PDB file of all heavy atoms in Angstrom:
ATOM      1  N   ARG A   1     -16.909  25.364   7.845  1.00  0.00           N
ATOM      2  CA  ARG A   1     -16.982  24.146   7.047  1.00  0.00           C
ATOM      3  C   ARG A   1     -15.667  23.379   7.175  1.00  0.00           C
ATOM      4  O   ARG A   1     -14.617  23.858   6.788  1.00  0.00           O
ATOM      5  CB  ARG A   1     -17.251  24.504   5.580  1.00  0.00           C
ATOM      6  CG  ARG A   1     -17.554  23.292   4.718  1.00  0.00           C
ATOM      7  CD  ARG A   1     -17.910  23.718   3.315  1.00  0.00           C
ATOM      8  NE  ARG A   1     -16.855  24.521   2.729  1.00  0.00           N
ATOM      9  CZ  ARG A   1     -16.935  25.075   1.527  1.00  0.00           C
ATOM     10  NH1 ARG A   1     -18.030  24.952   0.822  1.00  0.00           N
ATOM     11  NH2 ARG A   1     -15.939  25.777   1.055  1.00  0.00           N
ATOM     12  N   THR A   2     -15.715  22.223   7.738  1.00  0.00           N
ATOM     13  CA  THR A   2     -14.506  21.431   7.968  1.00  0.00           C
ATOM     14  C   THR A   2     -14.594  20.114   7.206  1.00  0.00           C
ATOM     15  O   THR A   2     -15.650  19.713   6.733  1.00  0.00           O
ATOM     16  CB  THR A   2     -14.341  21.129   9.466  1.00  0.00           C
ATOM     17  OG1 THR A   2     -15.501  20.429   9.918  1.00  0.00           O
ATOM     18  CG2 THR A   2     -14.177  22.408  10.264  1.00  0.00           C
ATOM     19  N   GLU A   3     -13.468  19.458   7.089  1.00  0.00           N
ATOM     20  CA  GLU A   3     -13.436  18.130   6.459  1.00  0.00           C
ATOM     21  C   GLU A   3     -13.948  17.136   7.487  1.00  0.00           C
ATOM     22  O   GLU A   3     -13.212  16.675   8.359  1.00  0.00           O
ATOM     23  CB  GLU A   3     -12.008  17.790   6.030  1.00  0.00           C
ATOM     24  CG  GLU A   3     -11.892  16.466   5.300  1.00  0.00           C
ATOM     25  CD  GLU A   3     -12.663  16.463   3.983  1.00  0.00           C
ATOM     26  OE1 GLU A   3     -12.778  17.527   3.349  1.00  0.00           O
ATOM     27  OE2 GLU A   3     -13.160  15.389   3.614  1.00  0.00           O
ATOM     28  N   THR A   4     -15.225  16.828   7.423  1.00  0.00           N
ATOM     29  CA  THR A   4     -15.886  16.019   8.433  1.00  0.00           C
ATOM     30  C   THR A   4     -15.866  14.542   8.047  1.00  0.00           C
ATOM     31  O   THR A   4     -16.077  14.185   6.887  1.00  0.00           O
ATOM     32  CB  THR A   4     -17.345  16.487   8.591  1.00  0.00           C
ATOM     33  OG1 THR A   4     -17.350  17.881   8.854  1.00  0.00           O
ATOM     34  CG2 THR A   4     -18.023  15.747   9.721  1.00  0.00           C
ATOM     35  N   GLN A   5     -15.641  13.684   9.041  1.00  0.00           N
ATOM     36  CA  GLN A   5     -15.755  12.247   8.851  1.00  0.00           C
ATOM     37  C   GLN A   5     -17.202  11.833   9.135  1.00  0.00           C
ATOM     38  O   GLN A   5     -17.797  12.255  10.119  1.00  0.00           O
ATOM     39  CB  GLN A   5     -14.813  11.497   9.791  1.00  0.00           C
ATOM     40  CG  GLN A   5     -13.339  11.652   9.416  1.00  0.00           C
ATOM     41  CD  GLN A   5     -13.001  10.937   8.114  1.00  0.00           C
ATOM     42  OE1 GLN A   5     -12.918  11.453   7.076  1.00  0.00           O
ATOM     43  NE2 GLN A   5     -12.806   9.742   8.165  1.00  0.00           N
ATOM     44  N   ALA A   6     -17.757  11.026   8.261  1.00  0.00           N
ATOM     45  CA  ALA A   6     -19.142  10.594   8.406  1.00  0.00           C
ATOM     46  C   ALA A   6     -19.205   9.112   8.752  1.00  0.00           C
ATOM     47  O   ALA A   6     -18.343   8.331   8.331  1.00  0.00           O
ATOM     48  CB  ALA A   6     -19.906  10.857   7.111  1.00  0.00           C
ATOM     49  N   LYS A   7     -20.229   8.745   9.507  1.00  0.00           N
ATOM     50  CA  LYS A   7     -20.457   7.345   9.870  1.00  0.00           C
ATOM     51  C   LYS A   7     -21.513   6.787   8.915  1.00  0.00           C
ATOM     52  O   LYS A   7     -22.714   6.904   9.148  1.00  0.00           O
ATOM     53  CB  LYS A   7     -20.920   7.239  11.317  1.00  0.00           C
ATOM     54  CG  LYS A   7     -19.879   7.759  12.323  1.00  0.00           C
ATOM     55  CD  LYS A   7     -20.439   7.781  13.740  1.00  0.00           C
ATOM     56  CE  LYS A   7     -19.400   8.299  14.726  1.00  0.00           C
ATOM     57  NZ  LYS A   7     -19.937   8.424  16.102  1.00  0.00           N
ATOM     58  N   LEU A   8     -21.055   6.208   7.804  1.00  0.00           N
ATOM     59  CA  LEU A   8     -21.947   5.703   6.771  1.00  0.00           C
ATOM     60  C   LEU A   8     -22.503   4.349   7.200  1.00  0.00           C
ATOM     61  O   LEU A   8     -21.767   3.384   7.392  1.00  0.00           O
ATOM     62  CB  LEU A   8     -21.199   5.571   5.449  1.00  0.00           C
ATOM     63  CG  LEU A   8     -22.003   5.041   4.257  1.00  0.00           C
ATOM     64  CD1 LEU A   8     -23.166   5.984   3.931  1.00  0.00           C
ATOM     65  CD2 LEU A   8     -21.102   4.857   3.049  1.00  0.00           C
ATOM     66  N   LEU A   9     -23.829   4.285   7.353  1.00  0.00           N
ATOM     67  CA  LEU A   9     -24.484   3.052   7.802  1.00  0.00           C
ATOM     68  C   LEU A   9     -24.648   2.076   6.643  1.00  0.00           C
ATOM     69  O   LEU A   9     -24.914   2.477   5.500  1.00  0.00           O
ATOM     70  CB  LEU A   9     -25.846   3.379   8.414  1.00  0.00           C
ATOM     71  CG  LEU A   9     -25.805   4.146   9.750  1.00  0.00           C
ATOM     72  CD1 LEU A   9     -27.178   4.700  10.080  1.00  0.00           C
ATOM     73  CD2 LEU A   9     -25.305   3.256  10.870  1.00  0.00           C
ATOM     74  N   SER A  10     -24.526   0.792   6.979  1.00  0.00           N
ATOM     75  CA  SER A  10     -24.666  -0.237   5.950  1.00  0.00           C
ATOM     76  C   SER A  10     -25.916  -1.081   6.147  1.00  0.00           C
ATOM     77  O   SER A  10     -26.169  -2.010   5.395  1.00  0.00           O
ATOM     78  CB  SER A  10     -23.431  -1.146   5.951  1.00  0.00           C
ATOM     79  OG  SER A  10     -23.230  -1.707   7.251  1.00  0.00           O
ATOM     80  N   GLY A  11     -26.687  -0.781   7.182  1.00  0.00           N
ATOM     81  CA  GLY A  11     -27.911  -1.536   7.428  1.00  0.00           C
ATOM     82  C   GLY A  11     -28.945  -0.660   8.096  1.00  0.00           C
ATOM     83  O   GLY A  11     -28.812   0.568   8.164  1.00  0.00           O
ATOM     84  N   ASP A  12     -29.999  -1.287   8.624  1.00  0.00           N
ATOM     85  CA  ASP A  12     -31.058  -0.538   9.284  1.00  0.00           C
ATOM     86  C   ASP A  12     -30.718  -0.182  10.720  1.00  0.00           C
ATOM     87  O   ASP A  12     -31.357   0.690  11.313  1.00  0.00           O
ATOM     88  CB  ASP A  12     -32.364  -1.342   9.257  1.00  0.00           C
ATOM     89  CG  ASP A  12     -32.892  -1.519   7.844  1.00  0.00           C
ATOM     90  OD1 ASP A  12     -32.575  -0.652   6.997  1.00  0.00           O
ATOM     91  OD2 ASP A  12     -33.597  -2.518   7.602  1.00  0.00           O
ATOM     92  N   GLY A  13     -29.748  -0.848  11.320  1.00  0.00           N
ATOM     93  CA  GLY A  13     -29.398  -0.583  12.709  1.00  0.00           C
ATOM     94  C   GLY A  13     -28.379   0.534  12.842  1.00  0.00           C
ATOM     95  O   GLY A  13     -28.025   1.210  11.879  1.00  0.00           O
ATOM     96  N   ARG A  14     -27.883   0.681  14.074  1.00  0.00           N
ATOM     97  CA  ARG A  14     -26.898   1.729  14.339  1.00  0.00           C
ATOM     98  C   ARG A  14     -25.508   1.156  14.583  1.00  0.00           C
ATOM     99  O   ARG A  14     -24.564   1.909  14.824  1.00  0.00           O
ATOM    100  CB  ARG A  14     -27.315   2.541  15.576  1.00  0.00           C
ATOM    101  CG  ARG A  14     -28.552   3.375  15.368  1.00  0.00           C
ATOM    102  CD  ARG A  14     -28.702   4.372  16.498  1.00  0.00           C
ATOM    103  NE  ARG A  14     -29.072   3.730  17.759  1.00  0.00           N
ATOM    104  CZ  ARG A  14     -28.565   4.048  18.944  1.00  0.00           C
ATOM    105  NH1 ARG A  14     -27.627   4.959  19.031  1.00  0.00           N
ATOM    106  NH2 ARG A  14     -28.980   3.440  20.034  1.00  0.00           N
ATOM    107  N   ASP A  15     -25.367  -0.138  14.524  1.00  0.00           N
ATOM    108  CA  ASP A  15     -24.109  -0.768  14.918  1.00  0.00           C
ATOM    109  C   ASP A  15     -23.129  -0.936  13.759  1.00  0.00           C
ATOM    110  O   ASP A  15     -21.920  -1.000  13.969  1.00  0.00           O
ATOM    111  CB  ASP A  15     -24.386  -2.140  15.539  1.00  0.00           C
ATOM    112  CG  ASP A  15     -25.255  -2.033  16.785  1.00  0.00           C
ATOM    113  OD1 ASP A  15     -25.137  -0.992  17.471  1.00  0.00           O
ATOM    114  OD2 ASP A  15     -26.057  -2.955  17.038  1.00  0.00           O
ATOM    115  N   HIS A  16     -23.621  -1.026  12.554  1.00  0.00           N
ATOM    116  CA  HIS A  16     -22.752  -1.324  11.418  1.00  0.00           C
ATOM    117  C   HIS A  16     -22.555  -0.072  10.560  1.00  0.00           C
ATOM    118  O   HIS A  16     -23.440   0.318   9.791  1.00  0.00           O
ATOM    119  CB  HIS A  16     -23.351  -2.461  10.572  1.00  0.00           C
ATOM    120  CG  HIS A  16     -23.569  -3.719  11.357  1.00  0.00           C
ATOM    121  ND1 HIS A  16     -22.537  -4.510  11.803  1.00  0.00           N
ATOM    122  CD2 HIS A  16     -24.717  -4.305  11.800  1.00  0.00           C
ATOM    123  CE1 HIS A  16     -23.025  -5.541  12.481  1.00  0.00           C
ATOM    124  NE2 HIS A  16     -24.344  -5.435  12.498  1.00  0.00           N
ATOM    125  N   TYR A  17     -21.430   0.536  10.722  1.00  0.00           N
ATOM    126  CA  TYR A  17     -21.103   1.709   9.906  1.00  0.00           C
ATOM    127  C   TYR A  17     -19.594   1.751   9.685  1.00  0.00           C
ATOM    128  O   TYR A  17     -18.813   1.090  10.375  1.00  0.00           O
ATOM    129  CB  TYR A  17     -21.559   3.010  10.580  1.00  0.00           C
ATOM    130  CG  TYR A  17     -20.902   3.324  11.902  1.00  0.00           C
ATOM    131  CD1 TYR A  17     -19.642   3.922  11.956  1.00  0.00           C
ATOM    132  CD2 TYR A  17     -21.542   3.036  13.112  1.00  0.00           C
ATOM    133  CE1 TYR A  17     -19.035   4.218  13.174  1.00  0.00           C
ATOM    134  CE2 TYR A  17     -20.945   3.317  14.328  1.00  0.00           C
ATOM    135  CZ  TYR A  17     -19.690   3.915  14.347  1.00  0.00           C
ATOM    136  OH  TYR A  17     -19.088   4.206  15.544  1.00  0.00           O
ATOM    137  N   ARG A  18     -19.206   2.553   8.708  1.00  0.00           N
ATOM    138  CA  ARG A  18     -17.782   2.763   8.458  1.00  0.00           C
ATOM    139  C   ARG A  18     -17.531   4.254   8.262  1.00  0.00           C
ATOM    140  O   ARG A  18     -18.382   4.986   7.740  1.00  0.00           O
ATOM    141  CB  ARG A  18     -17.319   1.976   7.234  1.00  0.00           C
ATOM    142  CG  ARG A  18     -18.071   2.263   5.954  1.00  0.00           C
ATOM    143  CD  ARG A  18     -17.699   1.265   4.848  1.00  0.00           C
ATOM    144  NE  ARG A  18     -18.516   1.458   3.657  1.00  0.00           N
ATOM    145  CZ  ARG A  18     -18.163   2.258   2.640  1.00  0.00           C
ATOM    146  NH1 ARG A  18     -17.023   2.934   2.696  1.00  0.00           N
ATOM    147  NH2 ARG A  18     -18.963   2.378   1.577  1.00  0.00           N
ATOM    148  N   ALA A  19     -16.368   4.689   8.705  1.00  0.00           N
ATOM    149  CA  ALA A  19     -16.011   6.104   8.614  1.00  0.00           C
ATOM    150  C   ALA A  19     -15.577   6.435   7.190  1.00  0.00           C
ATOM    151  O   ALA A  19     -14.714   5.756   6.621  1.00  0.00           O
ATOM    152  CB  ALA A  19     -14.902   6.434   9.602  1.00  0.00           C
ATOM    153  N   VAL A  20     -16.173   7.459   6.620  1.00  0.00           N
ATOM    154  CA  VAL A  20     -15.827   7.913   5.265  1.00  0.00           C
ATOM    155  C   VAL A  20     -15.745   9.436   5.286  1.00  0.00           C
ATOM    156  O   VAL A  20     -16.360  10.098   6.143  1.00  0.00           O
ATOM    157  CB  VAL A  20     -16.879   7.455   4.227  1.00  0.00           C
ATOM    158  CG1 VAL A  20     -16.965   5.938   4.181  1.00  0.00           C
ATOM    159  CG2 VAL A  20     -18.253   8.074   4.525  1.00  0.00           C
ATOM    160  N   PRO A  21     -15.006  10.048   4.367  1.00  0.00           N
ATOM    161  CA  PRO A  21     -14.985  11.516   4.283  1.00  0.00           C
ATOM    162  C   PRO A  21     -16.373  12.054   3.948  1.00  0.00           C
ATOM    163  O   PRO A  21     -17.089  11.465   3.118  1.00  0.00           O
ATOM    164  CB  PRO A  21     -13.990  11.797   3.156  1.00  0.00           C
ATOM    165  CG  PRO A  21     -13.181  10.553   3.029  1.00  0.00           C
ATOM    166  CD  PRO A  21     -14.091   9.431   3.398  1.00  0.00           C
ATOM    167  N   GLY A  22     -16.755  13.149   4.577  1.00  0.00           N
ATOM    168  CA  GLY A  22     -18.064  13.730   4.316  1.00  0.00           C
ATOM    169  C   GLY A  22     -18.246  14.130   2.865  1.00  0.00           C
ATOM    170  O   GLY A  22     -19.367  14.102   2.339  1.00  0.00           O
ATOM    171  N   THR A  23     -17.126  14.477   2.189  1.00  0.00           N
ATOM    172  CA  THR A  23     -17.225  14.908   0.792  1.00  0.00           C
ATOM    173  C   THR A  23     -17.535  13.757  -0.157  1.00  0.00           C
ATOM    174  O   THR A  23     -17.863  13.981  -1.325  1.00  0.00           O
ATOM    175  CB  THR A  23     -15.910  15.569   0.359  1.00  0.00           C
ATOM    176  OG1 THR A  23     -14.818  14.682   0.652  1.00  0.00           O
ATOM    177  CG2 THR A  23     -15.694  16.881   1.097  1.00  0.00           C
ATOM    178  N   SER A  24     -17.423  12.515   0.320  1.00  0.00           N
ATOM    179  CA  SER A  24     -17.682  11.360  -0.550  1.00  0.00           C
ATOM    180  C   SER A  24     -19.131  10.901  -0.495  1.00  0.00           C
ATOM    181  O   SER A  24     -19.520   9.991  -1.225  1.00  0.00           O
ATOM    182  CB  SER A  24     -16.765  10.191  -0.156  1.00  0.00           C
ATOM    183  OG  SER A  24     -17.141   9.673   1.126  1.00  0.00           O
ATOM    184  N   LEU A  25     -19.943  11.511   0.362  1.00  0.00           N
ATOM    185  CA  LEU A  25     -21.334  11.085   0.509  1.00  0.00           C
ATOM    186  C   LEU A  25     -22.149  11.420  -0.729  1.00  0.00           C
ATOM    187  O   LEU A  25     -21.963  12.467  -1.357  1.00  0.00           O
ATOM    188  CB  LEU A  25     -21.962  11.749   1.737  1.00  0.00           C
ATOM    189  CG  LEU A  25     -21.373  11.343   3.095  1.00  0.00           C
ATOM    190  CD1 LEU A  25     -21.960  12.205   4.202  1.00  0.00           C
ATOM    191  CD2 LEU A  25     -21.636   9.859   3.370  1.00  0.00           C
ATOM    192  N   LYS A  26     -23.062  10.521  -1.062  1.00  0.00           N
ATOM    193  CA  LYS A  26     -23.936  10.715  -2.207  1.00  0.00           C
ATOM    194  C   LYS A  26     -25.379  10.873  -1.726  1.00  0.00           C
ATOM    195  O   LYS A  26     -25.724  10.491  -0.605  1.00  0.00           O
ATOM    196  CB  LYS A  26     -23.850   9.516  -3.164  1.00  0.00           C
ATOM    197  CG  LYS A  26     -22.449   9.199  -3.653  1.00  0.00           C
ATOM    198  CD  LYS A  26     -22.458   8.048  -4.650  1.00  0.00           C
ATOM    199  CE  LYS A  26     -22.950   6.747  -4.043  1.00  0.00           C
ATOM    200  NZ  LYS A  26     -22.085   6.244  -2.959  1.00  0.00           N
ATOM    201  N   VAL A  27     -26.207  11.434  -2.590  1.00  0.00           N
ATOM    202  CA  VAL A  27     -27.627  11.584  -2.275  1.00  0.00           C
ATOM    203  C   VAL A  27     -28.224  10.205  -2.021  1.00  0.00           C
ATOM    204  O   VAL A  27     -28.033   9.274  -2.810  1.00  0.00           O
ATOM    205  CB  VAL A  27     -28.373  12.283  -3.421  1.00  0.00           C
ATOM    206  CG1 VAL A  27     -29.870  12.334  -3.133  1.00  0.00           C
ATOM    207  CG2 VAL A  27     -27.829  13.682  -3.635  1.00  0.00           C
ATOM    208  N   GLY A  28     -28.919  10.053  -0.909  1.00  0.00           N
ATOM    209  CA  GLY A  28     -29.538   8.788  -0.551  1.00  0.00           C
ATOM    210  C   GLY A  28     -28.767   7.998   0.479  1.00  0.00           C
ATOM    211  O   GLY A  28     -29.325   7.071   1.096  1.00  0.00           O
ATOM    212  N   ASP A  29     -27.482   8.339   0.706  1.00  0.00           N
ATOM    213  CA  ASP A  29     -26.714   7.664   1.749  1.00  0.00           C
ATOM    214  C   ASP A  29     -27.332   7.950   3.111  1.00  0.00           C
ATOM    215  O   ASP A  29     -27.899   9.034   3.339  1.00  0.00           O
ATOM    216  CB  ASP A  29     -25.255   8.133   1.747  1.00  0.00           C
ATOM    217  CG  ASP A  29     -24.455   7.538   0.587  1.00  0.00           C
ATOM    218  OD1 ASP A  29     -24.952   6.575  -0.012  1.00  0.00           O
ATOM    219  OD2 ASP A  29     -23.358   8.047   0.296  1.00  0.00           O
ATOM    220  N   VAL A  30     -27.218   7.000   4.027  1.00  0.00           N
ATOM    221  CA  VAL A  30     -27.740   7.171   5.385  1.00  0.00           C
ATOM    222  C   VAL A  30     -26.565   7.138   6.349  1.00  0.00           C
ATOM    223  O   VAL A  30     -25.733   6.220   6.321  1.00  0.00           O
ATOM    224  CB  VAL A  30     -28.752   6.062   5.742  1.00  0.00           C
ATOM    225  CG1 VAL A  30     -29.240   6.225   7.183  1.00  0.00           C
ATOM    226  CG2 VAL A  30     -29.936   6.109   4.777  1.00  0.00           C
TER     227      VAL A  30
END
């Protein structure tokens, strides 16, 4: 288990995302 960076999407496509810590993800995030 590592401190993983996640690519949090902000739309329906794959182009718009921002890097966030994996520990900050909430249920329902894509």
